[in-house]
PDB file of N, CA and C in Angstrom:
ATOM      1  N   MET A   1      84.602   0.635  -5.372  1.00  0.00           N
ATOM      2  CA  MET A   1      85.459   0.973  -4.261  1.00  0.00           C
ATOM      3  C   MET A   1      84.919   0.319  -2.987  1.00  0.00           C
ATOM      4  N   ALA A   2      85.805  -0.213  -2.199  1.00  0.00           N
ATOM      5  CA  ALA A   2      85.397  -0.912  -0.983  1.00  0.00           C
ATOM      6  C   ALA A   2      84.930   0.077   0.076  1.00  0.00           C
ATOM      7  N   LYS A   3      83.934  -0.328   0.847  1.00  0.00           N
ATOM      8  CA  LYS A   3      83.435   0.528   1.929  1.00  0.00           C
ATOM      9  C   LYS A   3      84.441   0.516   3.070  1.00  0.00           C
ATOM     10  N   HIS A   4      84.556   1.640   3.707  1.00  0.00           N
ATOM     11  CA  HIS A   4      85.466   1.757   4.835  1.00  0.00           C
ATOM     12  C   HIS A   4      84.822   1.144   6.069  1.00  0.00           C
ATOM     13  N   TYR A   5      85.626   0.717   7.020  1.00  0.00           N
ATOM     14  CA  TYR A   5      85.091   0.040   8.198  1.00  0.00           C
ATOM     15  C   TYR A   5      84.311   0.962   9.113  1.00  0.00           C
ATOM     16  N   PHE A   6      84.322   2.268   8.870  1.00  0.00           N
ATOM     17  CA  PHE A   6      83.522   3.193   9.658  1.00  0.00           C
ATOM     18  C   PHE A   6      82.126   3.377   9.085  1.00  0.00           C
ATOM     19  N   SER A   7      81.839   2.783   7.947  1.00  0.00           N
ATOM     20  CA  SER A   7      80.590   3.077   7.243  1.00  0.00           C
ATOM     21  C   SER A   7      79.339   2.654   8.021  1.00  0.00           C
ATOM     22  N   ASN A   8      79.433   1.655   8.882  1.00  0.00           N
ATOM     23  CA  ASN A   8      78.259   1.194   9.631  1.00  0.00           C
ATOM     24  C   ASN A   8      78.246   1.684  11.079  1.00  0.00           C
ATOM     25  N   ALA A   9      79.186   2.534  11.438  1.00  0.00           N
ATOM     26  CA  ALA A   9      79.293   3.005  12.817  1.00  0.00           C
ATOM     27  C   ALA A   9      78.282   4.116  13.091  1.00  0.00           C
ATOM     28  N   THR A  10      77.875   4.205  14.341  1.00  0.00           N
ATOM     29  CA  THR A  10      76.977   5.290  14.739  1.00  0.00           C
ATOM     30  C   THR A  10      77.783   6.571  14.938  1.00  0.00           C
ATOM     31  N   LYS A  11      77.089   7.681  15.053  1.00  0.00           N
ATOM     32  CA  LYS A  11      77.765   8.968  15.243  1.00  0.00           C
ATOM     33  C   LYS A  11      78.572   8.967  16.541  1.00  0.00           C
ATOM     34  N   THR A  12      78.027   8.375  17.586  1.00  0.00           N
ATOM     35  CA  THR A  12      78.730   8.304  18.870  1.00  0.00           C
ATOM     36  C   THR A  12      80.019   7.504  18.743  1.00  0.00           C
ATOM     37  N   GLU A  13      79.947   6.376  18.047  1.00  0.00           N
ATOM     38  CA  GLU A  13      81.141   5.558  17.838  1.00  0.00           C
ATOM     39  C   GLU A  13      82.182   6.306  17.015  1.00  0.00           C
ATOM     40  N   LEU A  14      81.731   7.013  15.994  1.00  0.00           N
ATOM     41  CA  LEU A  14      82.653   7.786  15.161  1.00  0.00           C
ATOM     42  C   LEU A  14      83.337   8.877  15.975  1.00  0.00           C
ATOM     43  N   MET A  15      82.580   9.550  16.827  1.00  0.00           N
ATOM     44  CA  MET A  15      83.156  10.596  17.674  1.00  0.00           C
ATOM     45  C   MET A  15      84.195  10.014  18.632  1.00  0.00           C
ATOM     46  N   LYS A  16      83.902   8.829  19.164  1.00  0.00           N
ATOM     47  CA  LYS A  16      84.846   8.166  20.065  1.00  0.00           C
ATOM     48  C   LYS A  16      86.125   7.812  19.315  1.00  0.00           C
ATOM     49  N   HIS A  17      85.991   7.236  18.125  1.00  0.00           N
ATOM     50  CA  HIS A  17      87.161   6.888  17.312  1.00  0.00           C
ATOM     51  C   HIS A  17      87.956   8.139  16.948  1.00  0.00           C
ATOM     52  N   LEU A  18      87.264   9.210  16.614  1.00  0.00           N
ATOM     53  CA  LEU A  18      87.928  10.460  16.249  1.00  0.00           C
ATOM     54  C   LEU A  18      88.735  11.003  17.427  1.00  0.00           C
ATOM     55  N   HIS A  19      88.140  11.010  18.595  1.00  0.00           N
ATOM     56  CA  HIS A  19      88.833  11.502  19.791  1.00  0.00           C
ATOM     57  C   HIS A  19      90.084  10.662  20.075  1.00  0.00           C
ATOM     58  N   GLU A  20      89.955   9.340  19.968  1.00  0.00           N
ATOM     59  CA  GLU A  20      91.093   8.452  20.208  1.00  0.00           C
ATOM     60  C   GLU A  20      92.192   8.680  19.172  1.00  0.00           C
ATOM     61  N   ALA A  21      91.802   8.832  17.915  1.00  0.00           N
ATOM     62  CA  ALA A  21      92.782   9.050  16.850  1.00  0.00           C
ATOM     63  C   ALA A  21      93.508  10.376  17.034  1.00  0.00           C
ATOM     64  N   GLN A  22      92.788  11.409  17.457  1.00  0.00           N
ATOM     65  CA  GLN A  22      93.421  12.707  17.692  1.00  0.00           C
ATOM     66  C   GLN A  22      94.406  12.630  18.858  1.00  0.00           C
ATOM     67  N   ASN A  23      94.054  11.883  19.896  1.00  0.00           N
ATOM     68  CA  ASN A  23      94.976  11.695  21.023  1.00  0.00           C
ATOM     69  C   ASN A  23      96.228  10.947  20.584  1.00  0.00           C
ATOM     70  N   GLU A  24      96.049   9.909  19.773  1.00  0.00           N
ATOM     71  CA  GLU A  24      97.191   9.151  19.271  1.00  0.00           C
ATOM     72  C   GLU A  24      98.077  10.027  18.393  1.00  0.00           C
ATOM     73  N   LEU A  25      97.468  10.876  17.577  1.00  0.00           N
ATOM     74  CA  LEU A  25      98.238  11.784  16.728  1.00  0.00           C
ATOM     75  C   LEU A  25      99.063  12.746  17.581  1.00  0.00           C
ATOM     76  N   GLU A  26      98.475  13.278  18.634  1.00  0.00           N
ATOM     77  CA  GLU A  26      99.212  14.172  19.532  1.00  0.00           C
ATOM     78  C   GLU A  26     100.420  13.463  20.133  1.00  0.00           C
ATOM     79  N   LYS A  27     100.256  12.206  20.539  1.00  0.00           N
ATOM     80  CA  LYS A  27     101.368  11.438  21.102  1.00  0.00           C
ATOM     81  C   LYS A  27     102.462  11.226  20.064  1.00  0.00           C
ATOM     82  N   LEU A  28     102.062  10.897  18.835  1.00  0.00           N
ATOM     83  CA  LEU A  28     103.041  10.694  17.768  1.00  0.00           C
ATOM     84  C   LEU A  28     103.799  11.982  17.457  1.00  0.00           C
ATOM     85  N   LEU A  29     103.093  13.093  17.412  1.00  0.00           N
ATOM     86  CA  LEU A  29     103.741  14.377  17.146  1.00  0.00           C
ATOM     87  C   LEU A  29     104.717  14.738  18.265  1.00  0.00           C
ATOM     88  N   PHE A  30     104.347  14.451  19.495  1.00  0.00           N
ATOM     89  CA  PHE A  30     105.251  14.691  20.614  1.00  0.00           C
ATOM     90  C   PHE A  30     106.509  13.839  20.472  1.00  0.00           C
ATOM     91  N   GLN A  31     106.331  12.576  20.075  1.00  0.00           N
ATOM     92  CA  GLN A  31     107.478  11.692  19.898  1.00  0.00           C
ATOM     93  C   GLN A  31     108.412  12.194  18.805  1.00  0.00           C
ATOM     94  N   VAL A  32     107.860  12.757  17.744  1.00  0.00           N
ATOM     95  CA  VAL A  32     108.695  13.313  16.677  1.00  0.00           C
ATOM     96  C   VAL A  32     109.485  14.506  17.202  1.00  0.00           C
ATOM     97  N   HIS A  33     108.813  15.385  17.923  1.00  0.00           N
ATOM     98  CA  HIS A  33     109.462  16.600  18.419  1.00  0.00           C
ATOM     99  C   HIS A  33     110.518  16.312  19.478  1.00  0.00           C
ATOM    100  N   THR A  34     110.415  15.182  20.160  1.00  0.00           N
ATOM    101  CA  THR A  34     111.412  14.815  21.169  1.00  0.00           C
ATOM    102  C   THR A  34     112.395  13.783  20.634  1.00  0.00           C
ATOM    103  N   ASN A  35     112.401  13.587  19.321  1.00  0.00           N
ATOM    104  CA  ASN A  35     113.319  12.658  18.638  1.00  0.00           C
ATOM    105  C   ASN A  35     113.172  11.214  19.101  1.00  0.00           C
ATOM    106  N   GLN A  36     112.006  10.834  19.557  1.00  0.00           N
ATOM    107  CA  GLN A  36     111.740   9.453  19.936  1.00  0.00           C
ATOM    108  C   GLN A  36     111.189   8.657  18.755  1.00  0.00           C
ATOM    109  N   LEU A  37     110.706   9.364  17.744  1.00  0.00           N
ATOM    110  CA  LEU A  37     110.106   8.719  16.572  1.00  0.00           C
ATOM    111  C   LEU A  37     110.802   9.266  15.335  1.00  0.00           C
ATOM    112  N   LYS A  38     111.430   8.382  14.567  1.00  0.00           N
ATOM    113  CA  LYS A  38     112.162   8.817  13.378  1.00  0.00           C
ATOM    114  C   LYS A  38     111.333   8.674  12.112  1.00  0.00           C
ATOM    115  N   ASP A  39     110.472   7.685  12.064  1.00  0.00           N
ATOM    116  CA  ASP A  39     109.675   7.417  10.869  1.00  0.00           C
ATOM    117  C   ASP A  39     108.310   8.082  11.021  1.00  0.00           C
ATOM    118  N   VAL A  40     107.985   8.994  10.115  1.00  0.00           N
ATOM    119  CA  VAL A  40     106.744   9.755  10.228  1.00  0.00           C
ATOM    120  C   VAL A  40     105.581   9.121   9.457  1.00  0.00           C
ATOM    121  N   ARG A  41     105.768   7.918   8.951  1.00  0.00           N
ATOM    122  CA  ARG A  41     104.669   7.246   8.233  1.00  0.00           C
ATOM    123  C   ARG A  41     103.456   7.045   9.122  1.00  0.00           C
ATOM    124  N   SER A  42     103.685   6.735  10.375  1.00  0.00           N
ATOM    125  CA  SER A  42     102.558   6.516  11.291  1.00  0.00           C
ATOM    126  C   SER A  42     101.738   7.795  11.468  1.00  0.00           C
ATOM    127  N   ILE A  43     102.392   8.945  11.412  1.00  0.00           N
ATOM    128  CA  ILE A  43     101.666  10.215  11.501  1.00  0.00           C
ATOM    129  C   ILE A  43     100.802  10.410  10.266  1.00  0.00           C
ATOM    130  N   ARG A  44     101.354  10.121   9.108  1.00  0.00           N
ATOM    131  CA  ARG A  44     100.595  10.258   7.861  1.00  0.00           C
ATOM    132  C   ARG A  44      99.377   9.339   7.869  1.00  0.00           C
ATOM    133  N   HIS A  45      99.547   8.109   8.334  1.00  0.00           N
ATOM    134  CA  HIS A  45      98.427   7.165   8.400  1.00  0.00           C
ATOM    135  C   HIS A  45      97.360   7.633   9.394  1.00  0.00           C
ATOM    136  N   LYS A  46      97.812   8.159  10.522  1.00  0.00           N
ATOM    137  CA  LYS A  46      96.856   8.629  11.534  1.00  0.00           C
ATOM    138  C   LYS A  46      96.069   9.829  11.014  1.00  0.00           C
ATOM    139  N   ARG A  47      96.729  10.727  10.283  1.00  0.00           N
ATOM    140  CA  ARG A  47      96.023  11.882   9.711  1.00  0.00           C
ATOM    141  C   ARG A  47      94.994  11.437   8.682  1.00  0.00           C
ATOM    142  N   ARG A  48      95.328  10.416   7.903  1.00  0.00           N
ATOM    143  CA  ARG A  48      94.361   9.881   6.935  1.00  0.00           C
ATOM    144  C   ARG A  48      93.167   9.265   7.647  1.00  0.00           C
ATOM    145  N   GLU A  49      93.432   8.560   8.734  1.00  0.00           N
ATOM    146  CA  GLU A  49      92.336   7.966   9.508  1.00  0.00           C
ATOM    147  C   GLU A  49      91.413   9.059  10.050  1.00  0.00           C
ATOM    148  N   ILE A  50      91.989  10.138  10.545  1.00  0.00           N
ATOM    149  CA  ILE A  50      91.197  11.253  11.064  1.00  0.00           C
ATOM    150  C   ILE A  50      90.368  11.875   9.949  1.00  0.00           C
ATOM    151  N   ALA A  51      90.957  12.023   8.769  1.00  0.00           N
ATOM    152  CA  ALA A  51      90.215  12.581   7.628  1.00  0.00           C
ATOM    153  C   ALA A  51      89.050  11.672   7.248  1.00  0.00           C
ATOM    154  N   ARG A  52      89.269  10.367   7.283  1.00  0.00           N
ATOM    155  CA  ARG A  52      88.186   9.420   6.972  1.00  0.00           C
ATOM    156  C   ARG A  52      87.064   9.524   8.003  1.00  0.00           C
ATOM    157  N   LEU A  53      87.449   9.678   9.251  1.00  0.00           N
ATOM    158  CA  LEU A  53      86.444   9.826  10.305  1.00  0.00           C
ATOM    159  C   LEU A  53      85.632  11.102  10.115  1.00  0.00           C
ATOM    160  N   HIS A  54      86.305  12.193   9.774  1.00  0.00           N
ATOM    161  CA  HIS A  54      85.584  13.444   9.515  1.00  0.00           C
ATOM    162  C   HIS A  54      84.600  13.265   8.359  1.00  0.00           C
ATOM    163  N   THR A  55      85.033  12.586   7.309  1.00  0.00           N
ATOM    164  CA  THR A  55      84.160  12.339   6.160  1.00  0.00           C
ATOM    165  C   THR A  55      82.964  11.492   6.574  1.00  0.00           C
ATOM    166  N   ALA A  56      83.217  10.437   7.332  1.00  0.00           N
ATOM    167  CA  ALA A  56      82.127   9.570   7.782  1.00  0.00           C
ATOM    168  C   ALA A  56      81.151  10.339   8.674  1.00  0.00           C
ATOM    169  N   LEU A  57      81.674  11.214   9.515  1.00  0.00           N
ATOM    170  CA  LEU A  57      80.801  12.016  10.385  1.00  0.00           C
ATOM    171  C   LEU A  57      79.934  12.971   9.580  1.00  0.00           C
ATOM    172  N   THR A  58      80.484  13.601   8.570  1.00  0.00           N
ATOM    173  CA  THR A  58      79.681  14.524   7.765  1.00  0.00           C
ATOM    174  C   THR A  58      78.618  13.772   6.980  1.00  0.00           C
ATOM    175  N   GLN A  59      78.905  12.535   6.609  1.00  0.00           N
ATOM    176  CA  GLN A  59      77.923  11.750   5.868  1.00  0.00           C
ATOM    177  C   GLN A  59      76.803  11.259   6.770  1.00  0.00           C
ATOM    178  N   THR A  60      77.088  11.041   8.048  1.00  0.00           N
ATOM    179  CA  THR A  60      76.035  10.572   8.958  1.00  0.00           C
ATOM    180  C   THR A  60      75.141  11.716   9.405  1.00  0.00           C
ATOM    181  N   THR A  61      75.667  12.936   9.411  1.00  0.00           N
ATOM    182  CA  THR A  61      74.862  14.068   9.865  1.00  0.00           C
ATOM    183  C   THR A  61      74.018  14.666   8.755  1.00  0.00           C
ATOM    184  N   SER A  62      74.329  14.343   7.503  1.00  0.00           N
ATOM    185  CA  SER A  62      73.548  14.933   6.405  1.00  0.00           C
ATOM    186  C   SER A  62      72.377  14.072   6.003  1.00  0.00           C
TER     187      SER A  62
END
């Protein structure tokens, strides 16, 4: 299995990416609720990215 691009990042970088991804997810969710966004694939991808970041963070702290 290929390594994810977060595998060599520091904890600080991962936290920064996580914060940015969560902000982007909030914007996407707002767009869905205001009918500005019809395709929810971008939300699914953003949630997967956040899950990967959480996994990478738990692996760096252990």
